[in-house]
Amino acid sequence: MTSRSRASGNGVTLDDVSKAIIEELQQDGRRSYAAIGKVVGLSEAAVRQRVQRLIDSNVMQVVAVTDPLELGFARQAMIGIRAHGELEPIADQLAEMEEVDYVVVTAGSFDLLAEVVCESDEHLLEVLSHRIRKIENVVSTETFMYLKLRKQTYSWGVR
């Protein structure tokens, strides 16, 4: 394996071994450190240390991916938000909401996108009307209700 390295978006340098570890975990987040070690040529302890460094530096996280609709949450939606002024404070307030699981600042017809998971239509209405639309500098929203989850993947590899 070559020793090519590349800095991640947060300044952490990823070598080929770290990238291979990430790819192994993207394929199966439950894969053992020993099994990963065999693939990448490291001991179990060395893989454990690298994984911990990757987690501590926010390069990755290891989580269970679920379908909220299958877990009893009746509503999942993407909310497009138009705003004026600085977007980061709005994004920060959205990110603090328990129902919001995804927030991005975007370019295009919406300034921000926020994905929400709610227990009912009433819960979604409360989050939308009484919380999101009350954030200072939010001008308008458009809600895209999810009817069925067809694909959700996090295995795009590394560069």
C-alpha atoms as a PDB file:
ATOM      1  CA  MET A   1       0.000   0.000   0.000  1.00  0.00           C
ATOM      2  CA  THR A   2       1.327   3.432  -0.840  1.00  0.00           C
ATOM      3  CA  SER A   3       1.563   6.050   1.843  1.00  0.00           C
ATOM      4  CA  ARG A   4      -0.434   8.761   0.111  1.00  0.00           C
ATOM      5  CA  SER A   5      -2.042  11.214   2.503  1.00  0.00           C
ATOM      6  CA  ARG A   6      -4.709  13.835   2.162  1.00  0.00           C
ATOM      7  CA  ALA A   7      -6.120  16.341   4.638  1.00  0.00           C
ATOM      8  CA  SER A   8      -9.802  15.945   5.482  1.00  0.00           C
ATOM      9  CA  GLY A   9     -12.183  18.899   5.639  1.00  0.00           C
ATOM     10  CA  ASN A  10     -11.254  19.539   9.269  1.00  0.00           C
ATOM     11  CA  GLY A  11      -7.488  19.492   8.695  1.00  0.00           C
ATOM     12  CA  VAL A  12      -6.854  15.919   9.844  1.00  0.00           C
ATOM     13  CA  THR A  13      -4.469  14.086   7.521  1.00  0.00           C
ATOM     14  CA  LEU A  14      -5.758  10.707   6.384  1.00  0.00           C
ATOM     15  CA  ASP A  15      -3.262   8.164   5.107  1.00  0.00           C
ATOM     16  CA  ASP A  16      -4.216   5.145   3.016  1.00  0.00           C
ATOM     17  CA  VAL A  17      -4.499   2.910   6.089  1.00  0.00           C
ATOM     18  CA  SER A  18      -6.958   5.251   7.813  1.00  0.00           C
ATOM     19  CA  LYS A  19      -8.949   5.494   4.592  1.00  0.00           C
ATOM     20  CA  ALA A  20      -9.052   1.693   4.332  1.00  0.00           C
ATOM     21  CA  ILE A  21     -10.272   1.453   7.935  1.00  0.00           C
ATOM     22  CA  ILE A  22     -13.046   3.963   7.179  1.00  0.00           C
ATOM     23  CA  GLU A  23     -14.080   2.023   4.076  1.00  0.00           C
ATOM     24  CA  GLU A  24     -14.236  -1.227   6.064  1.00  0.00           C
ATOM     25  CA  LEU A  25     -16.475   0.403   8.676  1.00  0.00           C
ATOM     26  CA  GLN A  26     -18.663   2.002   5.989  1.00  0.00           C
ATOM     27  CA  GLN A  27     -19.338  -1.476   4.647  1.00  0.00           C
ATOM     28  CA  ASP A  28     -20.101  -2.892   8.116  1.00  0.00           C
ATOM     29  CA  GLY A  29     -19.930  -0.735  11.224  1.00  0.00           C
ATOM     30  CA  ARG A  30     -19.898  -3.875  13.406  1.00  0.00           C
ATOM     31  CA  ARG A  31     -16.799  -5.342  11.771  1.00  0.00           C
ATOM     32  CA  SER A  32     -14.265  -6.328  14.428  1.00  0.00           C
ATOM     33  CA  TYR A  33     -10.974  -4.515  14.835  1.00  0.00           C
ATOM     34  CA  ALA A  34      -9.201  -7.854  14.358  1.00  0.00           C
ATOM     35  CA  ALA A  35     -10.943  -8.429  10.996  1.00  0.00           C
ATOM     36  CA  ILE A  36     -10.164  -4.880   9.883  1.00  0.00           C
ATOM     37  CA  GLY A  37      -6.558  -5.322  10.997  1.00  0.00           C
ATOM     38  CA  LYS A  38      -6.155  -8.353   8.725  1.00  0.00           C
ATOM     39  CA  VAL A  39      -7.364  -6.343   5.732  1.00  0.00           C
ATOM     40  CA  VAL A  40      -5.266  -3.226   6.396  1.00  0.00           C
ATOM     41  CA  GLY A  41      -2.169  -4.921   7.853  1.00  0.00           C
ATOM     42  CA  LEU A  42      -2.363  -3.633  11.435  1.00  0.00           C
ATOM     43  CA  SER A  43      -2.837  -5.246  14.828  1.00  0.00           C
ATOM     44  CA  GLU A  44      -6.213  -5.125  16.523  1.00  0.00           C
ATOM     45  CA  ALA A  45      -4.859  -2.609  19.052  1.00  0.00           C
ATOM     46  CA  ALA A  46      -3.491  -0.348  16.319  1.00  0.00           C
ATOM     47  CA  VAL A  47      -6.852  -0.376  14.505  1.00  0.00           C
ATOM     48  CA  ARG A  48      -8.640   0.421  17.773  1.00  0.00           C
ATOM     49  CA  GLN A  49      -6.335   3.417  18.334  1.00  0.00           C
ATOM     50  CA  ARG A  50      -6.798   4.711  14.792  1.00  0.00           C
ATOM     51  CA  VAL A  51     -10.575   4.355  14.974  1.00  0.00           C
ATOM     52  CA  GLN A  52     -10.607   6.257  18.263  1.00  0.00           C
ATOM     53  CA  ARG A  53      -8.476   9.052  16.737  1.00  0.00           C
ATOM     54  CA  LEU A  54     -10.831   9.266  13.747  1.00  0.00           C
ATOM     55  CA  ILE A  55     -13.827   9.513  16.066  1.00  0.00           C
ATOM     56  CA  ASP A  56     -12.147  12.021  18.420  1.00  0.00           C
ATOM     57  CA  SER A  57     -11.192  14.259  15.465  1.00  0.00           C
ATOM     58  CA  ASN A  58     -14.779  14.160  14.089  1.00  0.00           C
ATOM     59  CA  VAL A  59     -13.681  12.534  10.838  1.00  0.00           C
ATOM     60  CA  MET A  60     -16.256   9.777  11.417  1.00  0.00           C
ATOM     61  CA  GLN A  61     -18.789   8.369  13.819  1.00  0.00           C
ATOM     62  CA  VAL A  62     -20.071   4.837  14.136  1.00  0.00           C
ATOM     63  CA  VAL A  63     -23.867   4.705  14.559  1.00  0.00           C
ATOM     64  CA  ALA A  64     -26.865   2.495  13.822  1.00  0.00           C
ATOM     65  CA  VAL A  65     -28.761   3.811  10.804  1.00  0.00           C
ATOM     66  CA  THR A  66     -32.517   3.372  11.143  1.00  0.00           C
ATOM     67  CA  ASP A  67     -35.706   4.168   9.279  1.00  0.00           C
ATOM     68  CA  PRO A  68     -37.614   6.490  11.646  1.00  0.00           C
ATOM     69  CA  LEU A  69     -40.932   5.609  10.005  1.00  0.00           C
ATOM     70  CA  GLU A  70     -40.356   1.953  10.940  1.00  0.00           C
ATOM     71  CA  LEU A  71     -39.587   2.943  14.540  1.00  0.00           C
ATOM     72  CA  GLY A  72     -42.926   4.586  15.190  1.00  0.00           C
ATOM     73  CA  PHE A  73     -42.199   8.148  14.125  1.00  0.00           C
ATOM     74  CA  ALA A  74     -45.170   9.033  11.915  1.00  0.00           C
ATOM     75  CA  ARG A  75     -43.583  11.964  10.108  1.00  0.00           C
ATOM     76  CA  GLN A  76     -40.207  12.573   8.561  1.00  0.00           C
ATOM     77  CA  ALA A  77     -39.739  15.624   6.387  1.00  0.00           C
ATOM     78  CA  MET A  78     -37.157  17.877   4.790  1.00  0.00           C
ATOM     79  CA  ILE A  79     -37.801  21.542   5.376  1.00  0.00           C
ATOM     80  CA  GLY A  80     -36.433  24.073   2.928  1.00  0.00           C
ATOM     81  CA  ILE A  81     -35.815  27.421   4.636  1.00  0.00           C
ATOM     82  CA  ARG A  82     -35.391  30.835   3.075  1.00  0.00           C
ATOM     83  CA  ALA A  83     -33.753  33.439   5.281  1.00  0.00           C
ATOM     84  CA  HIS A  84     -31.954  36.745   5.239  1.00  0.00           C
ATOM     85  CA  GLY A  85     -28.859  37.832   7.097  1.00  0.00           C
ATOM     86  CA  GLU A  86     -26.300  35.420   8.495  1.00  0.00           C
ATOM     87  CA  LEU A  87     -27.226  31.772   8.010  1.00  0.00           C
ATOM     88  CA  GLU A  88     -24.919  30.166  10.573  1.00  0.00           C
ATOM     89  CA  PRO A  89     -26.879  31.384  13.647  1.00  0.00           C
ATOM     90  CA  ILE A  90     -30.068  29.980  12.118  1.00  0.00           C
ATOM     91  CA  ALA A  91     -28.336  26.679  11.335  1.00  0.00           C
ATOM     92  CA  ASP A  92     -27.063  26.528  14.930  1.00  0.00           C
ATOM     93  CA  GLN A  93     -30.562  27.047  16.346  1.00  0.00           C
ATOM     94  CA  LEU A  94     -31.966  24.351  14.069  1.00  0.00           C
ATOM     95  CA  ALA A  95     -29.197  21.950  15.065  1.00  0.00           C
ATOM     96  CA  GLU A  96     -30.120  22.397  18.743  1.00  0.00           C
ATOM     97  CA  MET A  97     -33.665  21.090  18.157  1.00  0.00           C
ATOM     98  CA  GLU A  98     -34.150  17.475  19.204  1.00  0.00           C
ATOM     99  CA  GLU A  99     -36.387  16.723  16.206  1.00  0.00           C
ATOM    100  CA  VAL A 100     -33.819  17.967  13.694  1.00  0.00           C
ATOM    101  CA  ASP A 101     -31.302  15.338  12.606  1.00  0.00           C
ATOM    102  CA  TYR A 102     -29.700  17.042   9.594  1.00  0.00           C
ATOM    103  CA  VAL A 103     -28.943  20.689   8.812  1.00  0.00           C
ATOM    104  CA  VAL A 104     -27.095  22.100   5.819  1.00  0.00           C
ATOM    105  CA  VAL A 105     -26.474  25.593   4.506  1.00  0.00           C
ATOM    106  CA  THR A 106     -27.145  25.460   0.789  1.00  0.00           C
ATOM    107  CA  ALA A 107     -26.890  27.402  -2.454  1.00  0.00           C
ATOM    108  CA  GLY A 108     -29.995  27.562  -4.593  1.00  0.00           C
ATOM    109  CA  SER A 109     -33.630  28.333  -3.948  1.00  0.00           C
ATOM    110  CA  PHE A 110     -33.307  27.487  -0.225  1.00  0.00           C
ATOM    111  CA  ASP A 111     -30.728  28.901   2.144  1.00  0.00           C
ATOM    112  CA  LEU A 112     -30.904  25.948   4.538  1.00  0.00           C
ATOM    113  CA  LEU A 113     -32.314  22.430   4.589  1.00  0.00           C
ATOM    114  CA  ALA A 114     -33.338  20.747   7.838  1.00  0.00           C
ATOM    115  CA  GLU A 115     -34.544  17.174   8.156  1.00  0.00           C
ATOM    116  CA  VAL A 116     -36.998  16.571  10.993  1.00  0.00           C
ATOM    117  CA  VAL A 117     -38.394  13.432  12.585  1.00  0.00           C
ATOM    118  CA  CYS A 118     -41.696  13.853  14.420  1.00  0.00           C
ATOM    119  CA  GLU A 119     -44.158  11.618  16.250  1.00  0.00           C
ATOM    120  CA  SER A 120     -47.282  12.964  14.522  1.00  0.00           C
ATOM    121  CA  ASP A 121     -48.648  15.587  12.155  1.00  0.00           C
ATOM    122  CA  GLU A 122     -49.443  17.753  15.182  1.00  0.00           C
ATOM    123  CA  HIS A 123     -45.856  17.434  16.410  1.00  0.00           C
ATOM    124  CA  LEU A 124     -44.519  18.431  12.965  1.00  0.00           C
ATOM    125  CA  LEU A 125     -46.881  21.413  12.877  1.00  0.00           C
ATOM    126  CA  GLU A 126     -45.697  22.525  16.326  1.00  0.00           C
ATOM    127  CA  VAL A 127     -42.014  22.256  15.342  1.00  0.00           C
ATOM    128  CA  LEU A 128     -42.615  24.087  12.088  1.00  0.00           C
ATOM    129  CA  SER A 129     -44.995  26.841  13.229  1.00  0.00           C
ATOM    130  CA  HIS A 130     -43.899  27.494  16.781  1.00  0.00           C
ATOM    131  CA  ARG A 131     -40.182  26.860  16.584  1.00  0.00           C
ATOM    132  CA  ILE A 132     -38.609  26.953  13.116  1.00  0.00           C
ATOM    133  CA  ARG A 133     -40.706  29.837  11.743  1.00  0.00           C
ATOM    134  CA  LYS A 134     -40.107  31.815  14.955  1.00  0.00           C
ATOM    135  CA  ILE A 135     -36.321  31.832  14.466  1.00  0.00           C
ATOM    136  CA  GLU A 136     -35.157  35.360  13.758  1.00  0.00           C
ATOM    137  CA  ASN A 137     -34.462  36.024  10.043  1.00  0.00           C
ATOM    138  CA  VAL A 138     -36.401  32.965   8.805  1.00  0.00           C
ATOM    139  CA  VAL A 139     -38.450  34.362   5.915  1.00  0.00           C
ATOM    140  CA  SER A 140     -40.312  31.272   4.663  1.00  0.00           C
ATOM    141  CA  THR A 141     -40.328  27.483   4.729  1.00  0.00           C
ATOM    142  CA  GLU A 142     -41.405  24.694   2.415  1.00  0.00           C
ATOM    143  CA  THR A 143     -41.985  21.212   3.791  1.00  0.00           C
ATOM    144  CA  PHE A 144     -41.317  18.015   1.836  1.00  0.00           C
ATOM    145  CA  MET A 145     -43.025  15.081   3.565  1.00  0.00           C
ATOM    146  CA  TYR A 146     -41.348  11.696   3.226  1.00  0.00           C
ATOM    147  CA  LEU A 147     -43.746   8.977   2.118  1.00  0.00           C
ATOM    148  CA  LYS A 148     -41.325   6.053   1.955  1.00  0.00           C
ATOM    149  CA  LEU A 149     -37.594   5.629   2.455  1.00  0.00           C
ATOM    150  CA  ARG A 150     -36.131   3.865  -0.596  1.00  0.00           C
ATOM    151  CA  LYS A 151     -32.405   4.358  -0.071  1.00  0.00           C
ATOM    152  CA  GLN A 152     -30.172   5.625   2.684  1.00  0.00           C
ATOM    153  CA  THR A 153     -26.480   4.904   2.476  1.00  0.00           C
ATOM    154  CA  TYR A 154     -23.287   6.235   3.928  1.00  0.00           C
ATOM    155  CA  SER A 155     -20.823   4.098   1.980  1.00  0.00           C
ATOM    156  CA  TRP A 156     -19.474   6.640  -0.481  1.00  0.00           C
ATOM    157  CA  GLY A 157     -15.880   5.700   0.251  1.00  0.00           C
ATOM    158  CA  VAL A 158     -12.987   8.078   0.837  1.00  0.00           C
ATOM    159  CA  ARG A 159     -10.776  10.199  -1.401  1.00  0.00           C
END
